[in-house]
């Protein structure tokens, strides 16, 4: 769950965003290593919360217990309006970059049109009640890990024989300042390393959670760090900084240089399966957030309806699809802006979840804690600081998108206050 939750689709397209921001391969690998350390610190903090409240299920409850109902409401509000929907738009654009290698997308509006079509098709699929089974999701998880593993093995095996990276005409220049470049790169990395918290959702079903959760998180994140650093080392070595920055399908372009068109096709298929699986799961799972909020009286009542024939929260799904399309077209498919919007909102609540460890140690000192966060309070505080840096980095990298996110937060506060006044 840890490995599958983190390795979604970002690793197939965000390395290009990192390369566009930074001047050298060394800086590219350094920012990925820093991201791994941040993920590990956060996971260890969440391990304490998961073992302490194994039946609660996730950051929403941790934030509610530590900071109150307003913060918890804003977590759900921003998940709907920016985190999950922004991720849908960004990942659909990544999918378009891979499919563009084989299909002329001009008749449907290029990559932007293909991304919109992808969201709509999968939205309709979920609307009709067609849900991916466990076997399909396992297949998609295996496909992405096998694709990345094969790429890393091929890259290491052919490391000396692949030759120097090919020159790239009109390669994107890095950011003017290293600080601005690091901020933009850190945003892309944070987007890609998220997902380890999914283990906490099933903490109540884990045998010996005080023993299993910290070890699963530590080992799982170690595997992910090795895969991410290995993949990026191969990307940089084979394509060079300029080739990586200019690529719309980094894994496929790397595989073509290593093993020829056949390898590129196989990697592309693995990447596309991974991306489609991610889009479908986000639509399937996160559409239940507005549904649950509506049932709690905290959102539009219509979002809590169930389709009489298909048995799906059809209004909530439609809301997610429409809002994803608004974000997609509002940013013109700008991956950097979309990633910044997602990271800005997501890491506010990641940080609050990590800070819950510090707050609950004071508010509930006598609570049973089968596992206590390693390195407390230094590592949890480090994670909270890193989350704050991620939010600031999103502002530096894409101020317009981040200001839009700030506006959504303020609107959420108003909605919460007005809703409370109307309810007994």
Protein backbone atom coordinates (compact mmCIF):
# COMPACT_ATOMS: atom_id res chain seq x y z
CA UNK A 1 0.00 0.00 0.00
CA UNK A 2 2.83 2.41 0.76
CA UNK A 3 4.70 1.80 -2.49
CA UNK A 4 1.53 1.65 -4.58
CA UNK A 5 0.12 4.74 -2.90
CA UNK A 6 3.18 6.86 -3.65
CA UNK A 7 4.16 5.62 -7.11
CA UNK A 8 1.15 6.79 -9.06
CA UNK A 9 1.81 8.70 -12.24
CA UNK A 10 3.90 11.74 -11.32
CA UNK A 11 7.26 10.00 -11.79
CA UNK A 12 6.40 9.61 -15.49
CA UNK A 13 6.11 13.36 -16.12
CA UNK A 14 7.14 15.52 -13.12
CA UNK A 15 10.92 14.91 -13.62
CA UNK A 16 10.66 17.14 -16.69
CA UNK A 17 9.15 19.91 -14.52
CA UNK A 18 12.03 19.51 -12.04
CA UNK A 19 14.61 19.69 -14.86
CA UNK A 20 13.00 22.83 -16.32
CA UNK A 21 13.46 24.57 -13.00
CA UNK A 22 17.08 23.60 -12.17
CA UNK A 23 20.39 24.09 -14.01
CA UNK A 24 22.20 20.76 -13.50
CA UNK A 25 21.65 17.05 -13.00
CA UNK A 26 23.22 17.22 -9.52
CA UNK A 27 20.59 19.68 -8.33
CA UNK A 28 17.87 17.52 -9.87
CA UNK A 29 18.96 14.45 -7.91
CA UNK A 30 19.47 16.50 -4.74
CA UNK A 31 15.91 17.82 -4.67
CA UNK A 32 14.54 14.27 -5.15
CA UNK A 33 16.67 13.06 -2.22
CA UNK A 34 15.38 15.91 -0.04
CA UNK A 35 11.83 14.95 -0.99
CA UNK A 36 12.48 11.39 0.19
CA UNK A 37 13.70 12.61 3.59
CA UNK A 38 10.57 14.78 3.94
CA UNK A 39 8.32 11.82 3.10
CA UNK A 40 10.06 9.64 5.68
CA UNK A 41 9.74 12.27 8.43
CA UNK A 42 6.05 12.75 7.67
CA UNK A 43 5.34 9.03 7.51
CA UNK A 44 6.88 8.44 10.94
CA UNK A 45 4.68 11.20 12.40
CA UNK A 46 1.57 9.73 10.77
CA UNK A 47 2.57 6.29 12.08
CA UNK A 48 2.03 7.51 15.64
CA UNK A 49 -1.40 8.88 14.73
CA UNK A 50 -2.40 5.71 12.89
CA UNK A 51 -1.42 3.48 15.81
CA UNK A 52 -3.09 5.85 18.30
CA UNK A 53 -6.40 6.12 16.39
CA UNK A 54 -6.43 2.97 14.24
CA UNK A 55 -10.16 3.07 13.56
CA UNK A 56 -10.36 6.79 12.74
CA UNK A 57 -9.03 6.71 9.21
CA UNK A 58 -6.87 9.49 7.96
CA UNK A 59 -5.80 13.11 8.21
CA UNK A 60 -9.36 14.46 8.29
CA UNK A 61 -9.92 12.98 11.76
CA UNK A 62 -6.43 13.82 13.05
CA UNK A 63 -6.92 17.47 12.06
CA UNK A 64 -10.42 17.54 13.57
CA UNK A 65 -9.18 16.13 16.88
CA UNK A 66 -6.21 18.51 17.05
CA UNK A 67 -7.51 21.71 15.46
CA UNK A 68 -11.31 21.48 15.45
CA UNK A 69 -14.14 21.14 12.92
CA UNK A 70 -13.30 24.22 10.82
CA UNK A 71 -9.84 22.91 9.90
CA UNK A 72 -11.31 19.48 9.15
CA UNK A 73 -14.02 21.02 6.95
CA UNK A 74 -11.41 23.02 5.03
CA UNK A 75 -9.46 19.79 4.47
CA UNK A 76 -12.48 18.27 2.71
CA UNK A 77 -13.35 21.54 0.96
CA UNK A 78 -9.88 21.98 -0.55
CA UNK A 79 -9.64 18.30 -1.46
CA UNK A 80 -12.70 18.77 -3.65
CA UNK A 81 -11.93 22.20 -5.12
CA UNK A 82 -8.17 22.00 -5.69
CA UNK A 83 -6.30 18.94 -4.40
CA UNK A 84 -8.07 16.04 -6.12
CA UNK A 85 -9.49 18.02 -9.04
CA UNK A 86 -6.18 19.78 -9.70
CA UNK A 87 -4.41 16.42 -9.58
CA UNK A 88 -6.93 15.04 -12.10
CA UNK A 89 -6.25 17.90 -14.50
CA UNK A 90 -2.46 17.63 -14.10
CA UNK A 91 -2.32 13.87 -14.52
CA UNK A 92 -4.67 13.96 -17.52
CA UNK A 93 -2.22 16.37 -19.16
CA UNK A 94 0.60 13.92 -18.39
CA UNK A 95 -1.40 11.14 -20.06
CA UNK A 96 -1.88 13.35 -23.14
CA UNK A 97 1.87 13.83 -23.41
CA UNK A 98 2.37 10.07 -23.74
CA UNK A 99 -0.52 9.35 -26.10
CA UNK A 100 0.61 12.25 -28.33
CA UNK A 101 3.60 10.13 -29.32
CA UNK A 102 1.34 7.81 -31.31
CA UNK A 103 -1.82 9.76 -32.15
CA UNK A 104 -2.27 13.15 -33.82
CA UNK A 105 -4.24 15.11 -31.24
CA UNK A 106 -4.77 18.23 -33.36
CA UNK A 107 -8.34 17.25 -34.41
CA UNK A 108 -9.48 17.17 -30.78
CA UNK A 109 -7.65 20.28 -29.59
CA UNK A 110 -4.18 18.91 -28.91
CA UNK A 111 -3.01 17.78 -25.49
CA UNK A 112 -5.54 20.05 -23.76
CA UNK A 113 -8.44 18.50 -25.65
CA UNK A 114 -7.17 14.96 -24.99
CA UNK A 115 -6.83 15.69 -21.27
CA UNK A 116 -10.41 16.99 -21.13
CA UNK A 117 -11.68 13.96 -23.05
CA UNK A 118 -9.88 11.61 -20.65
CA UNK A 119 -11.51 13.22 -17.62
CA UNK A 120 -14.95 13.13 -19.22
CA UNK A 121 -14.73 9.48 -20.34
CA UNK A 122 -13.59 8.25 -16.94
CA UNK A 123 -16.14 10.49 -15.24
CA UNK A 124 -18.94 8.93 -17.30
CA UNK A 125 -17.58 5.46 -16.51
CA UNK A 126 -17.77 6.13 -12.78
CA UNK A 127 -21.17 7.80 -13.17
CA UNK A 128 -22.52 4.57 -14.69
CA UNK A 129 -21.25 2.57 -11.75
CA UNK A 130 -18.40 0.74 -13.47
CA UNK A 131 -15.82 0.47 -10.69
CA UNK A 132 -12.31 -0.93 -11.07
CA UNK A 133 -11.94 -4.26 -9.29
CA UNK A 134 -9.09 -5.15 -7.02
CA UNK A 135 -7.55 -7.36 -9.71
CA UNK A 136 -7.46 -4.47 -12.19
CA UNK A 137 -5.88 -2.12 -9.66
CA UNK A 138 -3.26 -4.72 -8.77
CA UNK A 139 -2.52 -5.13 -12.47
CA UNK A 140 -2.06 -1.38 -12.89
CA UNK A 141 0.21 -1.22 -9.83
CA UNK A 142 2.34 -4.09 -11.12
CA UNK A 143 2.49 -2.46 -14.57
CA UNK A 144 3.95 0.80 -13.29
CA UNK A 145 6.47 -0.83 -10.95
CA UNK A 146 7.60 -3.29 -13.64
CA UNK A 147 7.92 -0.43 -16.15
CA UNK A 148 10.06 1.67 -13.81
CA UNK A 149 12.08 -1.33 -12.64
CA UNK A 150 12.83 -2.39 -16.22
CA UNK A 151 13.85 1.16 -17.09
CA UNK A 152 16.25 1.39 -14.14
CA UNK A 153 17.77 -2.05 -14.81
CA UNK A 154 18.23 -1.25 -18.52
CA UNK A 155 19.75 2.11 -17.66
CA UNK A 156 22.25 0.62 -15.24
CA UNK A 157 23.10 -2.26 -17.57
CA UNK A 158 23.69 0.08 -20.53
CA UNK A 159 25.13 2.95 -18.47
CA UNK A 160 28.53 3.02 -20.19
CA UNK A 161 27.38 2.16 -23.70
CA UNK A 162 24.52 4.61 -24.14
CA UNK A 163 26.84 7.51 -24.92
CA UNK A 164 26.59 11.18 -24.13
CA UNK A 165 23.14 12.84 -24.14
CA UNK A 166 22.10 14.19 -27.52
CA UNK A 167 22.12 17.98 -27.99
CA UNK A 168 18.71 19.61 -27.71
CA UNK A 169 17.80 22.69 -29.72
CA UNK A 170 15.76 25.32 -27.90
CA UNK A 171 15.81 23.47 -24.57
CA UNK A 172 13.88 25.25 -21.79
CA UNK A 173 16.20 27.44 -19.74
CA UNK A 174 16.27 26.95 -15.95
CA UNK A 175 14.76 29.56 -13.64
CA UNK A 176 16.67 32.81 -13.36
CA UNK A 177 17.48 32.27 -9.69
CA UNK A 178 18.41 29.06 -7.92
CA UNK A 179 15.95 29.86 -5.12
CA UNK A 180 13.07 30.20 -7.57
CA UNK A 181 14.21 27.08 -9.40
CA UNK A 182 14.41 25.06 -6.22
CA UNK A 183 10.92 26.25 -5.21
CA UNK A 184 9.41 25.13 -8.52
CA UNK A 185 11.28 21.80 -8.44
CA UNK A 186 10.32 21.15 -4.81
CA UNK A 187 6.65 21.62 -5.70
CA UNK A 188 6.87 18.94 -8.40
CA UNK A 189 8.72 16.56 -6.07
CA UNK A 190 6.21 17.02 -3.24
CA UNK A 191 3.40 16.27 -5.68
CA UNK A 192 5.13 13.02 -6.65
CA UNK A 193 6.04 11.72 -3.17
CA UNK A 194 2.57 12.07 -1.64
CA UNK A 195 0.43 9.01 -0.98
CA UNK A 196 2.15 7.18 1.88
CA UNK A 197 -0.65 8.33 4.24
CA UNK A 198 -3.05 5.89 2.53
CA UNK A 199 -1.81 3.18 4.89
CA UNK A 200 -3.42 5.07 7.77
CA UNK A 201 -6.83 4.65 6.16
CA UNK A 202 -6.75 0.91 6.96
CA UNK A 203 -4.82 1.11 10.23
CA UNK A 204 -7.71 -0.57 12.06
CA UNK A 205 -7.34 -3.68 9.92
CA UNK A 206 -3.59 -4.09 10.43
CA UNK A 207 -2.35 -6.76 12.80
CA UNK A 208 -0.05 -5.36 15.49
CA UNK A 209 -0.25 -1.78 14.14
CA UNK A 210 2.31 -0.52 16.66
CA UNK A 211 4.87 -2.86 15.06
CA UNK A 212 3.65 -3.07 11.47
CA UNK A 213 2.82 0.55 10.60
CA UNK A 214 6.24 2.17 11.31
CA UNK A 215 8.11 -0.70 9.65
CA UNK A 216 5.83 -0.74 6.60
CA UNK A 217 6.18 3.01 6.20
CA UNK A 218 9.96 2.98 6.65
CA UNK A 219 10.59 0.06 4.29
CA UNK A 220 8.01 1.23 1.73
CA UNK A 221 9.43 4.75 1.54
CA UNK A 222 12.98 3.38 1.33
CA UNK A 223 11.88 1.35 -1.73
CA UNK A 224 10.25 4.42 -3.28
CA UNK A 225 13.30 6.61 -2.67
CA UNK A 226 15.49 3.98 -4.34
CA UNK A 227 13.13 3.76 -7.35
CA UNK A 228 12.76 7.54 -7.71
CA UNK A 229 16.49 8.25 -7.39
CA UNK A 230 17.29 5.35 -9.73
CA UNK A 231 14.78 6.49 -12.34
CA UNK A 232 15.96 10.11 -12.22
CA UNK A 233 19.63 9.09 -12.36
CA UNK A 234 18.86 7.15 -15.55
CA UNK A 235 16.78 10.04 -16.96
CA UNK A 236 19.58 12.54 -16.37
CA UNK A 237 22.34 10.23 -17.62
CA UNK A 238 20.52 9.26 -20.82
CA UNK A 239 18.74 12.48 -21.76
CA UNK A 240 20.84 15.09 -19.98
CA UNK A 241 19.37 18.08 -18.21
CA UNK A 242 18.25 19.73 -21.48
CA UNK A 243 16.74 16.57 -22.95
CA UNK A 244 14.88 15.87 -19.74
CA UNK A 245 13.56 19.43 -19.59
CA UNK A 246 12.36 19.30 -23.21
CA UNK A 247 10.62 15.91 -22.92
CA UNK A 248 6.85 15.47 -22.75
CA UNK A 249 7.22 11.73 -22.01
CA UNK A 250 10.44 11.27 -20.05
CA UNK A 251 10.25 7.52 -19.44
CA UNK A 252 9.43 6.75 -23.08
CA UNK A 253 12.16 9.04 -24.45
CA UNK A 254 14.70 7.44 -22.10
CA UNK A 255 13.64 3.92 -23.09
CA UNK A 256 13.91 4.74 -26.81
CA UNK A 257 17.54 5.84 -26.36
CA UNK A 258 18.32 2.75 -24.29
CA UNK A 259 16.58 -0.04 -26.18
CA UNK A 260 14.99 1.47 -29.30
CA UNK A 261 11.34 2.00 -30.30
CA UNK A 262 10.14 -1.32 -28.83
CA UNK A 263 11.33 -0.42 -25.36
CA UNK A 264 9.79 3.04 -25.71
CA UNK A 265 6.44 1.52 -26.65
CA UNK A 266 6.44 -0.87 -23.68
CA UNK A 267 7.35 1.89 -21.25
CA UNK A 268 4.67 4.13 -22.74
CA UNK A 269 2.03 1.44 -22.27
CA UNK A 270 3.08 0.98 -18.63
CA UNK A 271 3.02 4.74 -18.02
CA UNK A 272 -0.39 5.16 -19.66
CA UNK A 273 -1.90 2.30 -17.64
CA UNK A 274 -0.51 3.82 -14.46
CA UNK A 275 -1.85 7.28 -15.26
CA UNK A 276 -5.29 6.03 -16.26
CA UNK A 277 -5.49 3.96 -13.10
CA UNK A 278 -4.61 7.00 -11.01
CA UNK A 279 -7.22 9.21 -12.70
CA UNK A 280 -9.88 6.54 -12.22
CA UNK A 281 -9.06 5.96 -8.56
CA UNK A 282 -9.05 9.70 -7.81
CA UNK A 283 -12.48 10.05 -9.41
CA UNK A 284 -13.77 6.94 -7.67
CA UNK A 285 -12.52 7.71 -4.19
CA UNK A 286 -12.55 11.49 -3.95
CA UNK A 287 -16.04 11.90 -5.40
CA UNK A 288 -17.22 10.43 -2.08
CA UNK A 289 -15.86 13.49 -0.24
CA UNK A 290 -18.54 15.98 -1.44
CA UNK A 291 -21.05 13.16 -1.07
CA UNK A 292 -20.12 12.66 2.61
CA UNK A 293 -19.93 16.42 3.25
CA UNK A 294 -23.43 16.84 1.77
CA UNK A 295 -24.75 14.03 3.98
CA UNK A 296 -23.25 15.87 6.97
CA UNK A 297 -25.03 19.06 5.92
CA UNK A 298 -21.76 20.81 5.13
CA UNK A 299 -22.12 20.98 1.33
CA UNK A 300 -24.75 21.22 -1.42
CA UNK A 301 -27.56 18.83 -0.56
CA UNK A 302 -27.76 17.59 -4.17
CA UNK A 303 -24.20 16.19 -3.88
CA UNK A 304 -25.52 13.66 -1.37
CA UNK A 305 -27.92 12.03 -3.84
CA UNK A 306 -27.50 8.46 -5.07
CA UNK A 307 -28.50 7.57 -8.63
CA UNK A 308 -31.65 5.41 -8.49
CA UNK A 309 -30.42 3.07 -11.22
CA UNK A 310 -26.62 3.06 -11.04
CA UNK A 311 -26.25 3.42 -7.28
CA UNK A 312 -23.48 6.01 -7.60
CA UNK A 313 -23.10 9.51 -6.07
CA UNK A 314 -23.70 10.85 -9.57
CA UNK A 315 -24.02 14.54 -8.67
CA UNK A 316 -20.77 14.48 -6.69
CA UNK A 317 -18.99 12.78 -9.60
CA UNK A 318 -20.37 15.37 -12.03
CA UNK A 319 -19.21 18.20 -9.74
CA UNK A 320 -15.69 16.76 -9.67
CA UNK A 321 -15.55 16.34 -13.45
CA UNK A 322 -16.84 19.83 -14.16
CA UNK A 323 -14.53 21.48 -11.66
CA UNK A 324 -11.53 19.52 -12.97
CA UNK A 325 -12.31 20.81 -16.47
CA UNK A 326 -12.58 24.38 -15.16
CA UNK A 327 -9.11 24.07 -13.59
CA UNK A 328 -7.73 22.42 -16.72
CA UNK A 329 -8.94 25.13 -19.10
CA UNK A 330 -8.41 27.92 -16.59
CA UNK A 331 -4.68 27.12 -16.47
CA UNK A 332 -4.56 26.15 -20.18
CA UNK A 333 -3.10 22.84 -19.08
CA UNK A 334 -0.04 24.45 -17.51
CA UNK A 335 1.43 21.56 -15.53
CA UNK A 336 3.54 23.82 -13.33
CA UNK A 337 0.52 25.89 -12.32
CA UNK A 338 -1.64 22.82 -11.69
CA UNK A 339 1.04 21.10 -9.62
CA UNK A 340 1.57 24.29 -7.60
CA UNK A 341 -2.15 24.55 -6.87
CA UNK A 342 -2.31 20.94 -5.70
CA UNK A 343 0.82 21.18 -3.56
CA UNK A 344 -0.24 24.53 -2.08
CA UNK A 345 -3.51 23.07 -0.78
CA UNK A 346 -2.42 19.47 -0.14
CA UNK A 347 0.63 20.31 1.93
CA UNK A 348 -1.25 22.76 4.13
CA UNK A 349 -3.23 19.78 5.39
CA UNK A 350 -0.29 17.37 5.24
CA UNK A 351 1.48 19.83 7.54
CA UNK A 352 -1.54 20.14 9.84
CA UNK A 353 -1.74 16.35 10.00
CA UNK A 354 1.93 16.20 11.03
CA UNK A 355 1.42 19.03 13.53
CA UNK A 356 -1.43 17.01 15.06
CA UNK A 357 1.23 14.80 16.67
CA UNK A 358 2.65 17.80 18.53
CA UNK A 359 -0.78 19.19 19.50
CA UNK A 360 -2.28 15.89 20.65
CA UNK A 361 0.75 15.12 22.81
CA UNK A 362 -0.33 18.21 24.83
CA UNK A 363 -4.12 17.89 24.52
CA UNK A 364 -4.29 14.14 25.16
CA UNK A 365 -1.13 13.23 27.07
CA UNK A 366 -2.70 10.12 28.60
CA UNK A 367 -3.92 8.62 25.31
CA UNK A 368 -2.62 5.15 24.52
CA UNK A 369 0.17 5.43 21.95
CA UNK A 370 1.33 1.95 20.88
CA UNK A 371 3.95 3.62 18.70
CA UNK A 372 5.62 6.96 19.33
CA UNK A 373 7.12 8.95 16.49
CA UNK A 374 10.85 8.37 16.08
CA UNK A 375 12.86 11.50 16.81
CA UNK A 376 9.99 13.36 18.50
CA UNK A 377 9.69 16.35 18.46
CA UNK A 378 12.46 17.04 15.94
CA UNK A 379 11.28 14.88 13.02
CA UNK A 380 7.59 15.89 13.23
CA UNK A 381 8.66 19.54 13.47
CA UNK A 382 11.00 19.04 10.48
CA UNK A 383 8.08 17.68 8.47
CA UNK A 384 5.83 20.59 9.42
CA UNK A 385 8.56 23.05 8.41
CA UNK A 386 9.08 21.20 5.11
CA UNK A 387 5.32 21.33 4.46
CA UNK A 388 5.40 25.09 5.09
CA UNK A 389 8.34 25.42 2.70
CA UNK A 390 6.31 23.48 0.12
CA UNK A 391 3.38 25.88 0.49
CA UNK A 392 5.69 28.91 0.17
CA UNK A 393 7.42 27.26 -2.80
CA UNK A 394 4.05 26.90 -4.51
CA UNK A 395 3.51 30.64 -4.08
CA UNK A 396 6.95 31.39 -5.53
CA UNK A 397 6.52 28.97 -8.44
CA UNK A 398 2.95 29.93 -9.40
CA UNK A 399 1.63 32.95 -7.45
CA UNK A 400 -1.61 33.25 -9.44
CA UNK A 401 -2.64 29.65 -8.84
CA UNK A 402 -1.67 29.87 -5.17
CA UNK A 403 -3.64 33.11 -4.74
CA UNK A 404 -6.58 31.32 -6.32
CA UNK A 405 -6.14 28.57 -3.73
CA UNK A 406 -6.02 31.17 -0.96
CA UNK A 407 -9.30 32.59 -2.25
CA UNK A 408 -10.84 29.12 -2.13
CA UNK A 409 -9.68 28.73 1.49
CA UNK A 410 -11.28 32.04 2.46
CA UNK A 411 -14.48 31.05 0.65
CA UNK A 412 -14.45 27.75 2.56
CA UNK A 413 -14.27 29.60 5.88
CA UNK A 414 -17.28 31.72 4.88
CA UNK A 415 -19.22 28.63 3.77
CA UNK A 416 -18.48 26.92 7.09
CA UNK A 417 -19.51 29.93 9.18
CA UNK A 418 -22.72 30.53 7.22
CA UNK A 419 -23.60 26.84 7.30
CA UNK A 420 -23.15 26.68 11.07
CA UNK A 421 -25.45 29.63 11.59
CA UNK A 422 -28.17 28.00 9.49
CA UNK A 423 -27.97 24.62 11.25
CA UNK A 424 -29.26 24.07 14.80
